[in-house]
PDB file of all heavy atoms in Angstrom:
ATOM      1  N   GLY A   1     154.774 298.778  65.740  1.00  0.00           N
ATOM      2  CA  GLY A   1     154.635 299.838  64.683  1.00  0.00           C
ATOM      3  C   GLY A   1     155.652 300.914  64.783  1.00  0.00           C
ATOM      4  O   GLY A   1     156.163 301.393  63.781  1.00  0.00           O
ATOM      5  N   ASP A   2     156.011 301.261  66.046  1.00  0.00           N
ATOM      6  CA  ASP A   2     157.039 302.358  66.233  1.00  0.00           C
ATOM      7  C   ASP A   2     158.345 302.006  65.752  1.00  0.00           C
ATOM      8  O   ASP A   2     159.206 302.893  65.483  1.00  0.00           O
ATOM      9  CB  ASP A   2     157.064 302.694  67.723  1.00  0.00           C
ATOM     10  CG  ASP A   2     155.846 303.460  68.252  1.00  0.00           C
ATOM     11  OD1 ASP A   2     155.034 303.875  67.391  1.00  0.00           O
ATOM     12  OD2 ASP A   2     155.621 303.476  69.441  1.00  0.00           O
ATOM     13  N   ASP A   3     158.649 300.657  65.592  1.00  0.00           N
ATOM     14  CA  ASP A   3     159.933 300.263  65.102  1.00  0.00           C
ATOM     15  C   ASP A   3     160.104 300.369  63.553  1.00  0.00           C
ATOM     16  O   ASP A   3     161.225 300.241  63.007  1.00  0.00           O
ATOM     17  CB  ASP A   3     160.239 298.831  65.505  1.00  0.00           C
ATOM     18  CG  ASP A   3     160.194 298.621  67.031  1.00  0.00           C
ATOM     19  OD1 ASP A   3     160.823 299.413  67.707  1.00  0.00           O
ATOM     20  OD2 ASP A   3     159.568 297.619  67.480  1.00  0.00           O
ATOM     21  N   ILE A   4     158.969 300.535  62.888  1.00  0.00           N
ATOM     22  CA  ILE A   4     158.933 300.524  61.394  1.00  0.00           C
ATOM     23  C   ILE A   4     159.093 301.956  60.877  1.00  0.00           C
ATOM     24  O   ILE A   4     158.367 302.867  61.289  1.00  0.00           O
ATOM     25  CB  ILE A   4     157.650 299.879  60.895  1.00  0.00           C
ATOM     26  CG1 ILE A   4     157.502 298.494  61.435  1.00  0.00           C
ATOM     27  CG2 ILE A   4     157.677 299.860  59.351  1.00  0.00           C
ATOM     28  CD1 ILE A   4     158.702 297.538  61.140  1.00  0.00           C
ATOM     29  N   ASP A   5     160.024 302.151  60.006  1.00  0.00           N
ATOM     30  CA  ASP A   5     160.309 303.452  59.383  1.00  0.00           C
ATOM     31  C   ASP A   5     159.390 303.684  58.162  1.00  0.00           C
ATOM     32  O   ASP A   5     158.923 304.769  57.875  1.00  0.00           O
ATOM     33  CB  ASP A   5     161.747 303.590  58.994  1.00  0.00           C
ATOM     34  CG  ASP A   5     162.692 303.578  60.192  1.00  0.00           C
ATOM     35  OD1 ASP A   5     162.714 304.593  60.903  1.00  0.00           O
ATOM     36  OD2 ASP A   5     163.369 302.556  60.350  1.00  0.00           O
ATOM     37  N   TRP A   6     159.164 302.522  57.419  1.00  0.00           N
ATOM     38  CA  TRP A   6     158.330 302.716  56.179  1.00  0.00           C
ATOM     39  C   TRP A   6     157.517 301.418  55.943  1.00  0.00           C
ATOM     40  O   TRP A   6     158.059 300.359  56.024  1.00  0.00           O
ATOM     41  CB  TRP A   6     159.199 302.978  54.956  1.00  0.00           C
ATOM     42  CG  TRP A   6     159.927 304.273  54.982  1.00  0.00           C
ATOM     43  CD1 TRP A   6     161.205 304.483  55.294  1.00  0.00           C
ATOM     44  CD2 TRP A   6     159.390 305.528  54.628  1.00  0.00           C
ATOM     45  NE1 TRP A   6     161.536 305.840  55.216  1.00  0.00           N
ATOM     46  CE2 TRP A   6     160.360 306.511  54.807  1.00  0.00           C
ATOM     47  CE3 TRP A   6     158.099 305.961  54.206  1.00  0.00           C
ATOM     48  CZ2 TRP A   6     160.216 307.843  54.520  1.00  0.00           C
ATOM     49  CZ3 TRP A   6     157.882 307.309  53.946  1.00  0.00           C
ATOM     50  CH2 TRP A   6     158.986 308.265  54.150  1.00  0.00           C
ATOM     51  N   LEU A   7     156.226 301.617  55.612  1.00  0.00           N
ATOM     52  CA  LEU A   7     155.411 300.573  55.052  1.00  0.00           C
ATOM     53  C   LEU A   7     155.397 300.757  53.522  1.00  0.00           C
ATOM     54  O   LEU A   7     155.158 301.872  53.033  1.00  0.00           O
ATOM     55  CB  LEU A   7     153.956 300.627  55.490  1.00  0.00           C
ATOM     56  CG  LEU A   7     152.972 299.731  54.887  1.00  0.00           C
ATOM     57  CD1 LEU A   7     153.325 298.234  55.183  1.00  0.00           C
ATOM     58  CD2 LEU A   7     151.525 300.065  55.382  1.00  0.00           C
ATOM     59  N   VAL A   8     155.786 299.764  52.792  1.00  0.00           N
ATOM     60  CA  VAL A   8     155.811 299.786  51.344  1.00  0.00           C
ATOM     61  C   VAL A   8     154.754 298.858  50.822  1.00  0.00           C
ATOM     62  O   VAL A   8     154.988 297.676  50.601  1.00  0.00           O
ATOM     63  CB  VAL A   8     157.236 299.441  50.772  1.00  0.00           C
ATOM     64  CG1 VAL A   8     157.316 299.770  49.310  1.00  0.00           C
ATOM     65  CG2 VAL A   8     158.325 300.090  51.556  1.00  0.00           C
ATOM     66  N   PRO A   9     153.559 299.361  50.661  1.00  0.00           N
ATOM     67  CA  PRO A   9     152.390 298.465  50.336  1.00  0.00           C
ATOM     68  C   PRO A   9     152.160 298.372  48.811  1.00  0.00           C
ATOM     69  O   PRO A   9     152.423 299.282  48.034  1.00  0.00           O
ATOM     70  CB  PRO A   9     151.228 299.144  51.018  1.00  0.00           C
ATOM     71  CG  PRO A   9     151.567 300.622  50.927  1.00  0.00           C
ATOM     72  CD  PRO A   9     153.047 300.707  50.948  1.00  0.00           C
ATOM     73  N   HIS A  10     151.645 297.227  48.433  1.00  0.00           N
ATOM     74  CA  HIS A  10     151.162 297.101  47.038  1.00  0.00           C
ATOM     75  C   HIS A  10     150.085 298.187  46.806  1.00  0.00           C
ATOM     76  O   HIS A  10     149.237 298.382  47.616  1.00  0.00           O
ATOM     77  CB  HIS A  10     150.590 295.742  46.778  1.00  0.00           C
ATOM     78  CG  HIS A  10     149.826 295.574  45.495  1.00  0.00           C
ATOM     79  ND1 HIS A  10     150.377 295.968  44.338  1.00  0.00           N
ATOM     80  CD2 HIS A  10     148.536 295.218  45.279  1.00  0.00           C
ATOM     81  CE1 HIS A  10     149.446 295.684  43.346  1.00  0.00           C
ATOM     82  NE2 HIS A  10     148.362 295.284  43.903  1.00  0.00           N
ATOM     83  N   GLN A  11     150.189 298.865  45.684  1.00  0.00           N
ATOM     84  CA  GLN A  11     149.288 300.027  45.382  1.00  0.00           C
ATOM     85  C   GLN A  11     148.061 299.537  44.607  1.00  0.00           C
ATOM     86  O   GLN A  11     147.963 299.759  43.402  1.00  0.00           O
ATOM     87  CB  GLN A  11     150.066 301.103  44.594  1.00  0.00           C
ATOM     88  CG  GLN A  11     151.346 301.448  45.227  1.00  0.00           C
ATOM     89  CD  GLN A  11     151.228 302.312  46.440  1.00  0.00           C
ATOM     90  OE1 GLN A  11     150.563 303.382  46.430  1.00  0.00           O
ATOM     91  NE2 GLN A  11     151.802 301.926  47.525  1.00  0.00           N
ATOM     92  N   ALA A  12     147.121 298.934  45.295  1.00  0.00           N
ATOM     93  CA  ALA A  12     145.914 298.441  44.683  1.00  0.00           C
ATOM     94  C   ALA A  12     144.721 299.336  44.938  1.00  0.00           C
ATOM     95  O   ALA A  12     143.921 299.578  44.062  1.00  0.00           O
ATOM     96  CB  ALA A  12     145.591 297.010  45.143  1.00  0.00           C
ATOM     97  N   ASN A  13     144.642 299.831  46.182  1.00  0.00           N
ATOM     98  CA  ASN A  13     143.502 300.572  46.652  1.00  0.00           C
ATOM     99  C   ASN A  13     143.906 301.293  47.888  1.00  0.00           C
ATOM    100  O   ASN A  13     144.473 300.719  48.797  1.00  0.00           O
ATOM    101  CB  ASN A  13     142.331 299.638  46.868  1.00  0.00           C
ATOM    102  CG  ASN A  13     141.064 300.360  47.253  1.00  0.00           C
ATOM    103  OD1 ASN A  13     141.009 300.974  48.351  1.00  0.00           O
ATOM    104  ND2 ASN A  13     140.047 300.339  46.379  1.00  0.00           N
ATOM    105  N   LEU A  14     143.590 302.603  47.975  1.00  0.00           N
ATOM    106  CA  LEU A  14     144.044 303.442  49.095  1.00  0.00           C
ATOM    107  C   LEU A  14     143.376 302.902  50.384  1.00  0.00           C
ATOM    108  O   LEU A  14     144.023 302.979  51.488  1.00  0.00           O
ATOM    109  CB  LEU A  14     143.679 304.876  48.853  1.00  0.00           C
ATOM    110  CG  LEU A  14     144.475 305.935  49.619  1.00  0.00           C
ATOM    111  CD1 LEU A  14     145.926 305.760  49.439  1.00  0.00           C
ATOM    112  CD2 LEU A  14     143.991 307.372  49.164  1.00  0.00           C
ATOM    113  N   ARG A  15     142.144 302.361  50.324  1.00  0.00           N
ATOM    114  CA  ARG A  15     141.509 301.871  51.562  1.00  0.00           C
ATOM    115  C   ARG A  15     142.230 300.609  52.102  1.00  0.00           C
ATOM    116  O   ARG A  15     142.308 300.424  53.283  1.00  0.00           O
ATOM    117  CB  ARG A  15     140.038 301.642  51.243  1.00  0.00           C
ATOM    118  CG  ARG A  15     139.245 302.967  50.999  1.00  0.00           C
ATOM    119  CD  ARG A  15     137.728 302.673  50.794  1.00  0.00           C
ATOM    120  NE  ARG A  15     137.572 301.984  49.532  1.00  0.00           N
ATOM    121  CZ  ARG A  15     136.334 301.502  49.184  1.00  0.00           C
ATOM    122  NH1 ARG A  15     135.306 301.646  49.962  1.00  0.00           N
ATOM    123  NH2 ARG A  15     136.175 300.927  47.993  1.00  0.00           N
ATOM    124  N   ILE A  16     142.681 299.771  51.132  1.00  0.00           N
ATOM    125  CA  ILE A  16     143.439 298.579  51.607  1.00  0.00           C
ATOM    126  C   ILE A  16     144.726 298.956  52.250  1.00  0.00           C
ATOM    127  O   ILE A  16     145.104 298.430  53.258  1.00  0.00           O
ATOM    128  CB  ILE A  16     143.673 297.655  50.364  1.00  0.00           C
ATOM    129  CG1 ILE A  16     142.342 297.152  49.819  1.00  0.00           C
ATOM    130  CG2 ILE A  16     144.525 296.479  50.772  1.00  0.00           C
ATOM    131  CD1 ILE A  16     142.393 296.372  48.485  1.00  0.00           C
ATOM    132  N   ILE A  17     145.454 299.951  51.650  1.00  0.00           N
ATOM    133  CA  ILE A  17     146.668 300.414  52.228  1.00  0.00           C
ATOM    134  C   ILE A  17     146.454 301.000  53.589  1.00  0.00           C
ATOM    135  O   ILE A  17     147.201 300.725  54.533  1.00  0.00           O
ATOM    136  CB  ILE A  17     147.290 301.512  51.303  1.00  0.00           C
ATOM    137  CG1 ILE A  17     147.746 300.889  49.935  1.00  0.00           C
ATOM    138  CG2 ILE A  17     148.484 302.240  51.945  1.00  0.00           C
ATOM    139  CD1 ILE A  17     148.162 301.929  48.887  1.00  0.00           C
ATOM    140  N   ASP A  18     145.388 301.784  53.781  1.00  0.00           N
ATOM    141  CA  ASP A  18     145.096 302.433  55.056  1.00  0.00           C
ATOM    142  C   ASP A  18     144.795 301.356  56.120  1.00  0.00           C
ATOM    143  O   ASP A  18     145.169 301.531  57.290  1.00  0.00           O
ATOM    144  CB  ASP A  18     144.014 303.448  54.897  1.00  0.00           C
ATOM    145  CG  ASP A  18     143.985 304.400  56.068  1.00  0.00           C
ATOM    146  OD1 ASP A  18     144.992 304.987  56.372  1.00  0.00           O
ATOM    147  OD2 ASP A  18     142.897 304.546  56.721  1.00  0.00           O
ATOM    148  N   ALA A  19     144.057 300.323  55.716  1.00  0.00           N
ATOM    149  CA  ALA A  19     143.705 299.286  56.675  1.00  0.00           C
ATOM    150  C   ALA A  19     144.985 298.560  57.136  1.00  0.00           C
ATOM    151  O   ALA A  19     145.123 298.212  58.380  1.00  0.00           O
ATOM    152  CB  ALA A  19     142.765 298.247  56.009  1.00  0.00           C
ATOM    153  N   THR A  20     145.908 298.326  56.246  1.00  0.00           N
ATOM    154  CA  THR A  20     147.201 297.678  56.624  1.00  0.00           C
ATOM    155  C   THR A  20     147.958 298.540  57.582  1.00  0.00           C
ATOM    156  O   THR A  20     148.537 298.109  58.598  1.00  0.00           O
ATOM    157  CB  THR A  20     148.002 297.343  55.414  1.00  0.00           C
ATOM    158  OG1 THR A  20     147.174 296.497  54.540  1.00  0.00           O
ATOM    159  CG2 THR A  20     149.314 296.624  55.726  1.00  0.00           C
ATOM    160  N   ARG A  21     148.093 299.870  57.218  1.00  0.00           N
ATOM    161  CA  ARG A  21     148.787 300.809  58.076  1.00  0.00           C
ATOM    162  C   ARG A  21     148.225 300.877  59.474  1.00  0.00           C
ATOM    163  O   ARG A  21     148.914 300.854  60.447  1.00  0.00           O
ATOM    164  CB  ARG A  21     148.669 302.226  57.403  1.00  0.00           C
ATOM    165  CG  ARG A  21     149.312 303.322  58.283  1.00  0.00           C
ATOM    166  CD  ARG A  21     148.773 304.718  57.883  1.00  0.00           C
ATOM    167  NE  ARG A  21     147.325 304.914  58.109  1.00  0.00           N
ATOM    168  CZ  ARG A  21     146.766 305.065  59.264  1.00  0.00           C
ATOM    169  NH1 ARG A  21     147.534 305.125  60.385  1.00  0.00           N
ATOM    170  NH2 ARG A  21     145.513 305.223  59.369  1.00  0.00           N
ATOM    171  N   ALA A  22     146.867 300.908  59.542  1.00  0.00           N
ATOM    172  CA  ALA A  22     146.221 301.003  60.862  1.00  0.00           C
ATOM    173  C   ALA A  22     146.468 299.718  61.720  1.00  0.00           C
ATOM    174  O   ALA A  22     146.612 299.770  62.923  1.00  0.00           O
ATOM    175  CB  ALA A  22     144.735 301.257  60.661  1.00  0.00           C
ATOM    176  N   ARG A  23     146.428 298.586  61.017  1.00  0.00           N
ATOM    177  CA  ARG A  23     146.607 297.349  61.745  1.00  0.00           C
ATOM    178  C   ARG A  23     147.965 297.242  62.456  1.00  0.00           C
ATOM    179  O   ARG A  23     148.056 296.662  63.507  1.00  0.00           O
ATOM    180  CB  ARG A  23     146.428 296.152  60.737  1.00  0.00           C
ATOM    181  CG  ARG A  23     146.568 294.813  61.343  1.00  0.00           C
ATOM    182  CD  ARG A  23     145.429 294.494  62.367  1.00  0.00           C
ATOM    183  NE  ARG A  23     145.690 293.264  63.058  1.00  0.00           N
ATOM    184  CZ  ARG A  23     145.342 291.995  62.594  1.00  0.00           C
ATOM    185  NH1 ARG A  23     144.844 291.918  61.375  1.00  0.00           N
ATOM    186  NH2 ARG A  23     145.630 290.948  63.263  1.00  0.00           N
ATOM    187  N   ILE A  24     149.006 297.753  61.794  1.00  0.00           N
ATOM    188  CA  ILE A  24     150.306 297.638  62.447  1.00  0.00           C
ATOM    189  C   ILE A  24     150.684 298.892  63.195  1.00  0.00           C
ATOM    190  O   ILE A  24     151.783 299.038  63.682  1.00  0.00           O
ATOM    191  CB  ILE A  24     151.390 297.318  61.377  1.00  0.00           C
ATOM    192  CG1 ILE A  24     151.529 298.392  60.352  1.00  0.00           C
ATOM    193  CG2 ILE A  24     151.186 295.967  60.762  1.00  0.00           C
ATOM    194  CD1 ILE A  24     152.717 298.149  59.351  1.00  0.00           C
ATOM    195  N   GLY A  25     149.694 299.818  63.330  1.00  0.00           N
ATOM    196  CA  GLY A  25     149.941 300.997  64.171  1.00  0.00           C
ATOM    197  C   GLY A  25     150.948 301.982  63.636  1.00  0.00           C
ATOM    198  O   GLY A  25     151.815 302.492  64.392  1.00  0.00           O
ATOM    199  N   LEU A  26     150.866 302.265  62.369  1.00  0.00           N
ATOM    200  CA  LEU A  26     151.832 303.133  61.691  1.00  0.00           C
ATOM    201  C   LEU A  26     151.218 304.467  61.365  1.00  0.00           C
ATOM    202  O   LEU A  26     150.048 304.552  60.939  1.00  0.00           O
ATOM    203  CB  LEU A  26     152.360 302.482  60.431  1.00  0.00           C
ATOM    204  CG  LEU A  26     153.813 302.732  60.006  1.00  0.00           C
ATOM    205  CD1 LEU A  26     154.778 302.335  61.086  1.00  0.00           C
ATOM    206  CD2 LEU A  26     154.081 302.030  58.757  1.00  0.00           C
ATOM    207  N   ALA A  27     152.021 305.552  61.496  1.00  0.00           N
ATOM    208  CA  ALA A  27     151.505 306.855  61.159  1.00  0.00           C
ATOM    209  C   ALA A  27     151.434 307.003  59.624  1.00  0.00           C
ATOM    210  O   ALA A  27     152.166 306.378  58.916  1.00  0.00           O
ATOM    211  CB  ALA A  27     152.465 307.949  61.735  1.00  0.00           C
ATOM    212  N   GLU A  28     150.504 307.850  59.171  1.00  0.00           N
ATOM    213  CA  GLU A  28     150.255 308.019  57.760  1.00  0.00           C
ATOM    214  C   GLU A  28     151.510 308.450  56.963  1.00  0.00           C
ATOM    215  O   GLU A  28     151.781 308.059  55.812  1.00  0.00           O
ATOM    216  CB  GLU A  28     149.153 308.985  57.514  1.00  0.00           C
ATOM    217  CG  GLU A  28     147.753 308.508  57.889  1.00  0.00           C
ATOM    218  CD  GLU A  28     146.691 309.494  57.548  1.00  0.00           C
ATOM    219  OE1 GLU A  28     146.935 310.470  56.796  1.00  0.00           O
ATOM    220  OE2 GLU A  28     145.543 309.293  58.038  1.00  0.00           O
ATOM    221  N   GLU A  29     152.370 309.308  57.669  1.00  0.00           N
ATOM    222  CA  GLU A  29     153.586 309.824  56.955  1.00  0.00           C
ATOM    223  C   GLU A  29     154.646 308.797  56.799  1.00  0.00           C
ATOM    224  O   GLU A  29     155.665 309.034  56.136  1.00  0.00           O
ATOM    225  CB  GLU A  29     154.109 311.006  57.697  1.00  0.00           C
ATOM    226  CG  GLU A  29     154.505 310.774  59.125  1.00  0.00           C
ATOM    227  CD  GLU A  29     153.395 311.015  60.133  1.00  0.00           C
ATOM    228  OE1 GLU A  29     152.244 311.031  59.719  1.00  0.00           O
ATOM    229  OE2 GLU A  29     153.773 311.190  61.331  1.00  0.00           O
ATOM    230  N   LYS A  30     154.425 307.558  57.316  1.00  0.00           N
ATOM    231  CA  LYS A  30     155.394 306.498  57.208  1.00  0.00           C
ATOM    232  C   LYS A  30     154.974 305.481  56.104  1.00  0.00           C
ATOM    233  O   LYS A  30     155.601 304.415  55.985  1.00  0.00           O
ATOM    234  CB  LYS A  30     155.638 305.778  58.486  1.00  0.00           C
ATOM    235  CG  LYS A  30     156.352 306.591  59.529  1.00  0.00           C
ATOM    236  CD  LYS A  30     156.649 305.727  60.799  1.00  0.00           C
ATOM    237  CE  LYS A  30     157.478 306.493  61.759  1.00  0.00           C
ATOM    238  NZ  LYS A  30     157.844 305.600  62.907  1.00  0.00           N
ATOM    239  N   VAL A  31     154.009 305.838  55.228  1.00  0.00           N
ATOM    240  CA  VAL A  31     153.552 304.953  54.277  1.00  0.00           C
ATOM    241  C   VAL A  31     153.881 305.506  52.826  1.00  0.00           C
ATOM    242  O   VAL A  31     153.600 306.666  52.562  1.00  0.00           O
ATOM    243  CB  VAL A  31     152.011 304.763  54.292  1.00  0.00           C
ATOM    244  CG1 VAL A  31     151.542 303.718  53.285  1.00  0.00           C
ATOM    245  CG2 VAL A  31     151.619 304.350  55.753  1.00  0.00           C
ATOM    246  N   MET A  32     154.501 304.660  52.027  1.00  0.00           N
ATOM    247  CA  MET A  32     154.802 305.067  50.610  1.00  0.00           C
ATOM    248  C   MET A  32     153.519 304.886  49.807  1.00  0.00           C
ATOM    249  O   MET A  32     153.010 303.792  49.645  1.00  0.00           O
ATOM    250  CB  MET A  32     155.896 304.249  50.060  1.00  0.00           C
ATOM    251  CG  MET A  32     157.280 304.378  50.777  1.00  0.00           C
ATOM    252  SD  MET A  32     158.534 303.428  49.932  1.00  0.00           S
ATOM    253  CE  MET A  32     159.912 303.568  51.117  1.00  0.00           C
ATOM    254  N   ILE A  33     153.093 305.986  49.171  1.00  0.00           N
ATOM    255  CA  ILE A  33     151.887 305.951  48.374  1.00  0.00           C
ATOM    256  C   ILE A  33     152.130 306.680  47.072  1.00  0.00           C
ATOM    257  O   ILE A  33     152.491 307.927  47.079  1.00  0.00           O
ATOM    258  CB  ILE A  33     150.680 306.578  49.088  1.00  0.00           C
ATOM    259  CG1 ILE A  33     150.294 305.776  50.349  1.00  0.00           C
ATOM    260  CG2 ILE A  33     149.439 306.666  48.177  1.00  0.00           C
ATOM    261  CD1 ILE A  33     149.272 306.367  51.231  1.00  0.00           C
ATOM    262  N   ASN A  34     152.004 306.029  45.948  1.00  0.00           N
ATOM    263  CA  ASN A  34     152.016 306.692  44.639  1.00  0.00           C
ATOM    264  C   ASN A  34     150.893 306.196  43.701  1.00  0.00           C
ATOM    265  O   ASN A  34     150.983 306.386  42.520  1.00  0.00           O
ATOM    266  CB  ASN A  34     153.448 306.543  43.971  1.00  0.00           C
ATOM    267  CG  ASN A  34     153.788 305.098  43.746  1.00  0.00           C
ATOM    268  OD1 ASN A  34     152.955 304.171  43.808  1.00  0.00           O
ATOM    269  ND2 ASN A  34     155.066 304.916  43.484  1.00  0.00           N
ATOM    270  N   ILE A  35     149.913 305.570  44.335  1.00  0.00           N
ATOM    271  CA  ILE A  35     148.798 305.026  43.543  1.00  0.00           C
ATOM    272  C   ILE A  35     148.044 306.113  42.762  1.00  0.00           C
ATOM    273  O   ILE A  35     147.532 305.890  41.690  1.00  0.00           O
ATOM    274  CB  ILE A  35     147.787 304.279  44.463  1.00  0.00           C
ATOM    275  CG1 ILE A  35     146.744 303.558  43.625  1.00  0.00           C
ATOM    276  CG2 ILE A  35     147.136 305.199  45.517  1.00  0.00           C
ATOM    277  CD1 ILE A  35     145.831 302.627  44.460  1.00  0.00           C
ATOM    278  N   HIS A  36     148.113 307.323  43.303  1.00  0.00           N
ATOM    279  CA  HIS A  36     147.392 308.410  42.594  1.00  0.00           C
ATOM    280  C   HIS A  36     148.030 308.773  41.264  1.00  0.00           C
ATOM    281  O   HIS A  36     147.344 309.240  40.325  1.00  0.00           O
ATOM    282  CB  HIS A  36     147.379 309.720  43.486  1.00  0.00           C
ATOM    283  CG  HIS A  36     148.745 310.128  43.898  1.00  0.00           C
ATOM    284  ND1 HIS A  36     149.520 309.399  44.800  1.00  0.00           N
ATOM    285  CD2 HIS A  36     149.496 311.218  43.589  1.00  0.00           C
ATOM    286  CE1 HIS A  36     150.646 309.997  44.978  1.00  0.00           C
ATOM    287  NE2 HIS A  36     150.664 311.126  44.325  1.00  0.00           N
ATOM    288  N   LYS A  37     149.310 308.420  41.118  1.00  0.00           N
ATOM    289  CA  LYS A  37     150.077 308.738  39.873  1.00  0.00           C
ATOM    290  C   LYS A  37     150.114 307.600  38.872  1.00  0.00           C
ATOM    291  O   LYS A  37     150.110 307.786  37.702  1.00  0.00           O
ATOM    292  CB  LYS A  37     151.493 309.134  40.230  1.00  0.00           C
ATOM    293  CG  LYS A  37     151.659 310.470  40.983  1.00  0.00           C
ATOM    294  CD  LYS A  37     153.018 310.923  40.985  1.00  0.00           C
ATOM    295  CE  LYS A  37     153.985 310.024  41.711  1.00  0.00           C
ATOM    296  NZ  LYS A  37     155.353 310.607  41.767  1.00  0.00           N
ATOM    297  N   TYR A  38     150.171 306.358  39.435  1.00  0.00           N
ATOM    298  CA  TYR A  38     150.449 305.204  38.600  1.00  0.00           C
ATOM    299  C   TYR A  38     149.364 304.107  38.584  1.00  0.00           C
ATOM    300  O   TYR A  38     149.435 303.191  37.777  1.00  0.00           O
ATOM    301  CB  TYR A  38     151.805 304.556  38.947  1.00  0.00           C
ATOM    302  CG  TYR A  38     152.973 305.502  38.963  1.00  0.00           C
ATOM    303  CD1 TYR A  38     153.856 305.501  40.034  1.00  0.00           C
ATOM    304  CD2 TYR A  38     153.155 306.397  37.943  1.00  0.00           C
ATOM    305  CE1 TYR A  38     154.898 306.336  40.076  1.00  0.00           C
ATOM    306  CE2 TYR A  38     154.247 307.205  37.926  1.00  0.00           C
ATOM    307  CZ  TYR A  38     155.154 307.237  38.989  1.00  0.00           C
ATOM    308  OH  TYR A  38     156.172 308.068  39.008  1.00  0.00           O
ATOM    309  N   GLY A  39     148.407 304.228  39.534  1.00  0.00           N
ATOM    310  CA  GLY A  39     147.391 303.137  39.617  1.00  0.00           C
ATOM    311  C   GLY A  39     148.060 301.898  40.044  1.00  0.00           C
ATOM    312  O   GLY A  39     149.127 301.862  40.707  1.00  0.00           O
ATOM    313  N   ASN A  40     147.422 300.753  39.733  1.00  0.00           N
ATOM    314  CA  ASN A  40     147.939 299.418  40.119  1.00  0.00           C
ATOM    315  C   ASN A  40     148.745 298.873  38.902  1.00  0.00           C
ATOM    316  O   ASN A  40     148.176 298.438  37.940  1.00  0.00           O
ATOM    317  CB  ASN A  40     146.730 298.539  40.454  1.00  0.00           C
ATOM    318  CG  ASN A  40     147.175 297.123  40.913  1.00  0.00           C
ATOM    319  OD1 ASN A  40     148.344 296.786  40.808  1.00  0.00           O
ATOM    320  ND2 ASN A  40     146.233 296.339  41.393  1.00  0.00           N
TER     321      ASN A  40
END
């Protein structure tokens, strides 16, 4: 996880994104999230 600069997840659901982030051990600030603006 420390080797990854950014997770670029499909924006379907914030909980799914967070589960993926947690699984690979990534900090929240390294995740691209714009689901709040554009939805899926």
